[in-house]
Amino acid sequence: MVKLLVIKDERIDGGRAFDWGRASADYARFRDIYPDEFYRKIAARGLCVKGQRVLDLGTGTGVLPRNMYSFGAGWTGTDISENQIAQAKILSEGMDIDYYVMSAEELNFPDNTFDVITACQCFWYFDHERIMPKLFRMLKPGGKILVLYLAWLPFEDRIAGESEKLVLKYNPVWSGAGETMHPIDIPPCYYDKFELVYSEEYHLKVHFTREGWNGRMKACRGVGASLPEDEIRLWEKEHKELLEKIAPEEFDILHYAAAAELKRKG
């Protein structure tokens, strides 16, 4: 059963409502796409590894905790969507990961609980003036916030670009289009209590089948989380026809990954 949690934010998609719970099944199946290099770079920074407690904000279906579980950290994941957390628990069966349904603004873990707090593909959704003091309080002295991002590059990859144009045909206000490589934007309020100690952007090729890429696009905010069901069906039919014309059965999509690491002062 889909439990609706409609979100409207004037900063995103022109204020058009979206609900990740509507896309949870496709999200769980098609958005676990990060290459091993993405996770190895995190561990190489000494983050999310054995001996650390990590809080993953906006965990979705638990992609980050599940894929970094073998590095040995103790994980807690939170997300505003009950449906996303339900999928995370199913996919994390056999793993000792704690999941909670709550927004980042509602977090209330004890002081000095976590060594690392991560936010992957979700940082821009938060009310930073509200959450920054909470993140500072919940981190141990010297603790880190790690902000992560992965996006396809529509101006450099033809298949990504054509797929993106089709999303915009059905959802012209979708603000997730037109991505280019750039550093993660850290709101000014963080710099009073945190210092930026690391920032990186790099190219990644992500492998897909036609089915997998269709599913990935369908599970984006501009389609599965916001369009009416009849429009999703029309979009998917047209997208599959498009892929048969422009894409082989298997292919790579050029993405870029970005990371920003903030260290707690004091």
Protein backbone atom coordinates (compact mmCIF):
# COMPACT_ATOMS: atom_id res chain seq x y z
CA MET A 1 0.00 0.00 0.00
CA VAL A 2 1.37 3.42 -0.98
CA LYS A 3 1.29 5.87 1.92
CA LEU A 4 1.17 9.38 0.51
CA LEU A 5 3.51 12.05 1.79
CA VAL A 6 3.15 14.95 -0.59
CA ILE A 7 5.94 17.54 -0.58
CA LYS A 8 5.69 21.01 -2.08
CA ASP A 9 8.65 23.36 -2.12
CA GLU A 10 8.80 26.49 -4.24
CA ARG A 11 12.54 25.95 -4.71
CA ILE A 12 11.92 22.59 -6.41
CA ASP A 13 9.98 21.97 -9.65
CA GLY A 14 8.29 25.35 -9.41
CA GLY A 15 6.41 24.16 -6.33
CA ARG A 16 4.86 21.12 -8.06
CA ALA A 17 3.96 18.45 -5.52
CA PHE A 18 5.90 15.19 -5.42
CA ASP A 19 5.90 12.09 -3.24
CA TRP A 20 8.79 9.62 -3.21
CA GLY A 21 6.50 6.97 -1.75
CA ARG A 22 4.78 6.66 -5.13
CA ALA A 23 8.09 5.71 -6.75
CA SER A 24 9.46 3.46 -3.99
CA ALA A 25 9.10 0.14 -5.81
CA ASP A 26 10.92 1.44 -8.90
CA TYR A 27 13.39 3.31 -6.70
CA ALA A 28 14.29 0.08 -4.90
CA ARG A 29 14.68 -1.83 -8.15
CA PHE A 30 16.40 0.69 -10.40
CA ARG A 31 18.26 3.35 -8.38
CA ASP A 32 20.92 1.24 -6.69
CA ILE A 33 23.38 2.22 -9.43
CA TYR A 34 26.49 3.67 -7.78
CA PRO A 35 29.71 2.01 -9.01
CA ASP A 36 32.16 0.49 -6.52
CA GLU A 37 34.52 3.43 -7.06
CA PHE A 38 31.94 5.72 -5.47
CA TYR A 39 32.00 3.74 -2.21
CA ARG A 40 35.75 3.07 -2.22
CA LYS A 41 36.44 6.80 -2.37
CA ILE A 42 34.34 7.32 0.76
CA ALA A 43 36.17 4.61 2.68
CA ALA A 44 39.53 5.94 1.46
CA ARG A 45 38.70 9.19 3.24
CA GLY A 46 38.40 7.19 6.48
CA LEU A 47 34.64 7.69 6.52
CA CYS A 48 31.84 5.16 7.13
CA VAL A 49 34.30 2.48 8.24
CA LYS A 50 34.70 0.08 11.17
CA GLY A 51 34.53 1.70 14.58
CA GLN A 52 32.29 4.57 13.45
CA ARG A 53 28.62 5.27 13.96
CA VAL A 54 27.01 6.78 10.87
CA LEU A 55 23.67 8.51 10.39
CA ASP A 56 22.39 8.56 6.79
CA LEU A 57 19.88 11.35 6.21
CA GLY A 58 17.28 10.90 3.48
CA THR A 59 18.36 7.28 3.22
CA GLY A 60 15.62 6.35 0.74
CA THR A 61 15.84 2.59 0.18
CA GLY A 62 19.05 2.42 2.21
CA VAL A 63 21.39 2.44 -0.79
CA LEU A 64 24.35 3.95 1.08
CA PRO A 65 24.11 1.89 4.32
CA ARG A 66 23.55 -1.35 2.41
CA ASN A 67 26.40 -0.89 -0.02
CA MET A 68 28.87 0.30 2.62
CA TYR A 69 27.82 -2.21 5.26
CA SER A 70 30.84 -4.42 4.52
CA PHE A 71 33.20 -1.58 5.52
CA GLY A 72 32.14 -2.20 9.12
CA ALA A 73 30.47 0.99 10.37
CA GLY A 74 27.31 0.94 12.47
CA TRP A 75 24.52 2.52 10.42
CA THR A 76 21.30 4.37 11.16
CA GLY A 77 19.13 5.55 8.27
CA THR A 78 16.27 8.06 8.36
CA ASP A 79 13.82 9.15 5.68
CA ILE A 80 10.61 11.16 5.57
CA SER A 81 8.88 8.51 3.41
CA GLU A 82 7.43 5.44 5.11
CA ASN A 83 7.38 3.59 1.79
CA GLN A 84 11.08 4.24 1.21
CA ILE A 85 11.95 2.95 4.68
CA ALA A 86 9.79 -0.13 4.12
CA GLN A 87 11.81 -0.93 0.99
CA ALA A 88 15.07 -0.23 2.83
CA LYS A 89 14.18 -2.78 5.52
CA ILE A 90 13.34 -5.43 2.92
CA LEU A 91 16.56 -4.87 1.00
CA SER A 92 18.64 -4.79 4.22
CA GLU A 93 17.45 -8.15 5.50
CA GLY A 94 20.25 -9.79 7.47
CA MET A 95 22.07 -6.50 8.05
CA ASP A 96 22.14 -4.76 11.43
CA ILE A 97 20.95 -1.35 10.21
CA ASP A 98 18.49 0.80 12.16
CA TYR A 99 15.88 2.65 10.08
CA TYR A 100 13.47 5.36 11.21
CA VAL A 101 10.71 7.27 9.45
CA MET A 102 11.38 10.93 10.19
CA SER A 103 12.36 14.12 8.43
CA ALA A 104 15.80 15.62 8.89
CA GLU A 105 14.17 18.55 10.66
CA GLU A 106 12.66 16.18 13.27
CA LEU A 107 15.92 14.44 14.19
CA ASN A 108 16.54 14.23 17.91
CA PHE A 109 19.30 11.72 18.59
CA PRO A 110 21.42 12.33 21.74
CA ASP A 111 24.42 14.64 21.74
CA ASN A 112 27.75 13.23 20.50
CA THR A 113 26.14 10.12 18.98
CA PHE A 114 27.66 9.92 15.51
CA ASP A 115 31.12 10.02 13.97
CA VAL A 116 29.76 10.72 10.49
CA ILE A 117 26.48 12.05 9.10
CA THR A 118 25.87 11.41 5.40
CA ALA A 119 23.40 12.94 2.95
CA CYS A 120 23.32 11.38 -0.52
CA GLN A 121 21.07 12.82 -3.27
CA CYS A 122 18.98 14.72 -0.72
CA PHE A 123 20.90 17.65 0.78
CA TRP A 124 18.99 20.36 -1.12
CA TYR A 125 15.64 19.24 0.31
CA PHE A 126 16.48 20.21 3.89
CA ASP A 127 15.74 23.34 5.93
CA HIS A 128 19.40 23.98 6.73
CA GLU A 129 18.88 26.74 9.26
CA ARG A 130 16.91 24.24 11.33
CA ILE A 131 19.00 21.12 10.89
CA MET A 132 22.55 22.49 11.05
CA PRO A 133 22.53 23.02 14.85
CA LYS A 134 21.08 19.53 15.31
CA LEU A 135 23.75 17.92 13.14
CA PHE A 136 26.44 19.79 15.08
CA ARG A 137 24.99 18.60 18.38
CA MET A 138 24.58 14.97 17.33
CA LEU A 139 28.13 14.68 15.97
CA LYS A 140 31.05 13.84 18.18
CA PRO A 141 33.88 16.42 18.42
CA GLY A 142 35.72 16.36 15.12
CA GLY A 143 32.85 14.49 13.48
CA LYS A 144 32.11 14.85 9.78
CA ILE A 145 29.18 15.63 7.50
CA LEU A 146 29.59 13.99 4.10
CA VAL A 147 27.38 15.30 1.29
CA LEU A 148 27.22 13.09 -1.82
CA TYR A 149 25.73 13.44 -5.27
CA LEU A 150 25.56 11.53 -8.56
CA ALA A 151 23.96 12.84 -11.76
CA TRP A 152 23.89 12.03 -15.44
CA LEU A 153 25.29 14.64 -17.83
CA PRO A 154 22.65 15.41 -20.48
CA PHE A 155 24.82 17.75 -22.56
CA GLU A 156 27.66 15.21 -22.77
CA ASP A 157 25.69 11.96 -23.11
CA ARG A 158 23.17 11.70 -25.98
CA ILE A 159 20.97 9.00 -24.46
CA ALA A 160 20.72 10.88 -21.16
CA GLY A 161 19.97 14.09 -23.00
CA GLU A 162 17.17 12.61 -25.12
CA SER A 163 15.62 10.88 -22.11
CA GLU A 164 15.71 14.13 -20.17
CA LYS A 165 13.96 15.99 -23.00
CA LEU A 166 11.14 13.47 -22.81
CA VAL A 167 10.74 14.04 -19.06
CA LEU A 168 10.51 17.78 -19.72
CA LYS A 169 7.85 17.18 -22.39
CA TYR A 170 5.59 15.69 -19.71
CA ASN A 171 6.82 17.78 -16.77
CA PRO A 172 8.17 21.14 -18.00
CA VAL A 173 8.69 22.52 -14.46
CA TRP A 174 10.99 19.66 -13.41
CA SER A 175 14.10 21.40 -12.06
CA GLY A 176 16.31 18.30 -12.11
CA ALA A 177 17.19 18.83 -15.77
CA GLY A 178 20.25 20.43 -17.34
CA GLU A 179 22.87 19.20 -14.89
CA THR A 180 26.54 20.09 -15.42
CA MET A 181 29.55 19.16 -13.32
CA HIS A 182 30.00 21.51 -10.37
CA PRO A 183 30.96 21.44 -6.68
CA ILE A 184 28.26 20.76 -4.10
CA ASP A 185 26.79 24.00 -2.77
CA ILE A 186 27.08 24.23 1.01
CA PRO A 187 24.70 26.79 2.56
CA PRO A 188 26.49 29.64 4.42
CA CYS A 189 24.93 28.74 7.79
CA TYR A 190 27.24 25.70 8.08
CA TYR A 191 30.47 27.65 8.12
CA ASP A 192 29.93 29.00 11.64
CA LYS A 193 30.23 25.50 13.14
CA PHE A 194 31.87 23.46 10.35
CA GLU A 195 34.82 23.79 7.99
CA LEU A 196 34.97 22.39 4.48
CA VAL A 197 37.95 20.02 4.46
CA TYR A 198 37.42 18.19 1.17
CA SER A 199 35.56 18.64 -2.08
CA GLU A 200 35.78 16.60 -5.29
CA GLU A 201 33.96 16.08 -8.59
CA TYR A 202 34.79 13.27 -11.02
CA HIS A 203 33.32 11.46 -14.04
CA LEU A 204 31.79 8.00 -13.74
CA LYS A 205 30.31 5.70 -16.37
CA VAL A 206 27.27 3.81 -15.11
CA HIS A 207 26.19 0.67 -16.98
CA PHE A 208 22.54 0.08 -17.90
CA THR A 209 20.29 -2.13 -19.97
CA ARG A 210 17.38 -0.45 -21.74
CA GLU A 211 15.07 -1.77 -19.02
CA GLY A 212 17.38 -0.50 -16.29
CA TRP A 213 17.73 2.98 -17.77
CA ASN A 214 13.98 3.24 -18.36
CA GLY A 215 13.44 2.25 -14.74
CA ARG A 216 16.04 4.73 -13.51
CA MET A 217 14.38 7.57 -15.40
CA LYS A 218 10.90 6.50 -14.32
CA ALA A 219 12.06 6.56 -10.69
CA CYS A 220 13.22 10.17 -10.91
CA ARG A 221 11.31 12.99 -9.22
CA GLY A 222 10.13 14.39 -12.56
CA VAL A 223 8.27 11.19 -13.50
CA GLY A 224 7.38 8.56 -10.91
CA ALA A 225 7.21 10.86 -7.89
CA SER A 226 5.07 13.57 -9.47
CA LEU A 227 3.20 12.69 -12.68
CA PRO A 228 -0.35 11.25 -12.64
CA GLU A 229 -0.49 7.51 -13.31
CA ASP A 230 -1.92 7.90 -16.82
CA GLU A 231 0.89 10.29 -17.78
CA ILE A 232 3.51 7.95 -16.32
CA ARG A 233 2.18 5.16 -18.56
CA LEU A 234 2.29 7.42 -21.63
CA TRP A 235 5.78 8.65 -20.76
CA GLU A 236 7.05 5.10 -20.26
CA LYS A 237 5.60 3.87 -23.55
CA GLU A 238 7.22 6.75 -25.42
CA HIS A 239 10.51 6.38 -23.54
CA LYS A 240 10.80 2.68 -24.35
CA GLU A 241 10.16 3.43 -28.02
CA LEU A 242 12.81 6.14 -27.90
CA LEU A 243 15.40 3.81 -26.39
CA GLU A 244 14.77 1.19 -29.08
CA LYS A 245 15.71 3.84 -31.64
CA ILE A 246 18.73 5.47 -29.99
CA ALA A 247 20.26 2.93 -27.60
CA PRO A 248 21.72 -0.59 -27.87
CA GLU A 249 20.47 -3.22 -25.45
CA GLU A 250 23.33 -2.38 -23.05
CA PHE A 251 25.23 0.90 -22.72
CA ASP A 252 27.01 3.25 -20.34
CA ILE A 253 25.63 6.63 -19.28
CA LEU A 254 28.15 9.34 -18.43
CA HIS A 255 27.59 10.71 -14.92
CA TYR A 256 29.54 12.83 -12.52
CA ALA A 257 29.90 12.25 -8.81
CA ALA A 258 30.54 14.96 -6.23
CA ALA A 259 31.45 14.93 -2.56
CA ALA A 260 31.84 17.60 0.11
CA GLU A 261 33.20 16.82 3.57
CA LEU A 262 32.55 19.16 6.48
CA LYS A 263 34.36 18.83 9.81
CA ARG A 264 32.77 19.86 13.09
CA LYS A 265 34.57 22.70 14.80
CA GLY A 266 35.31 22.65 18.52
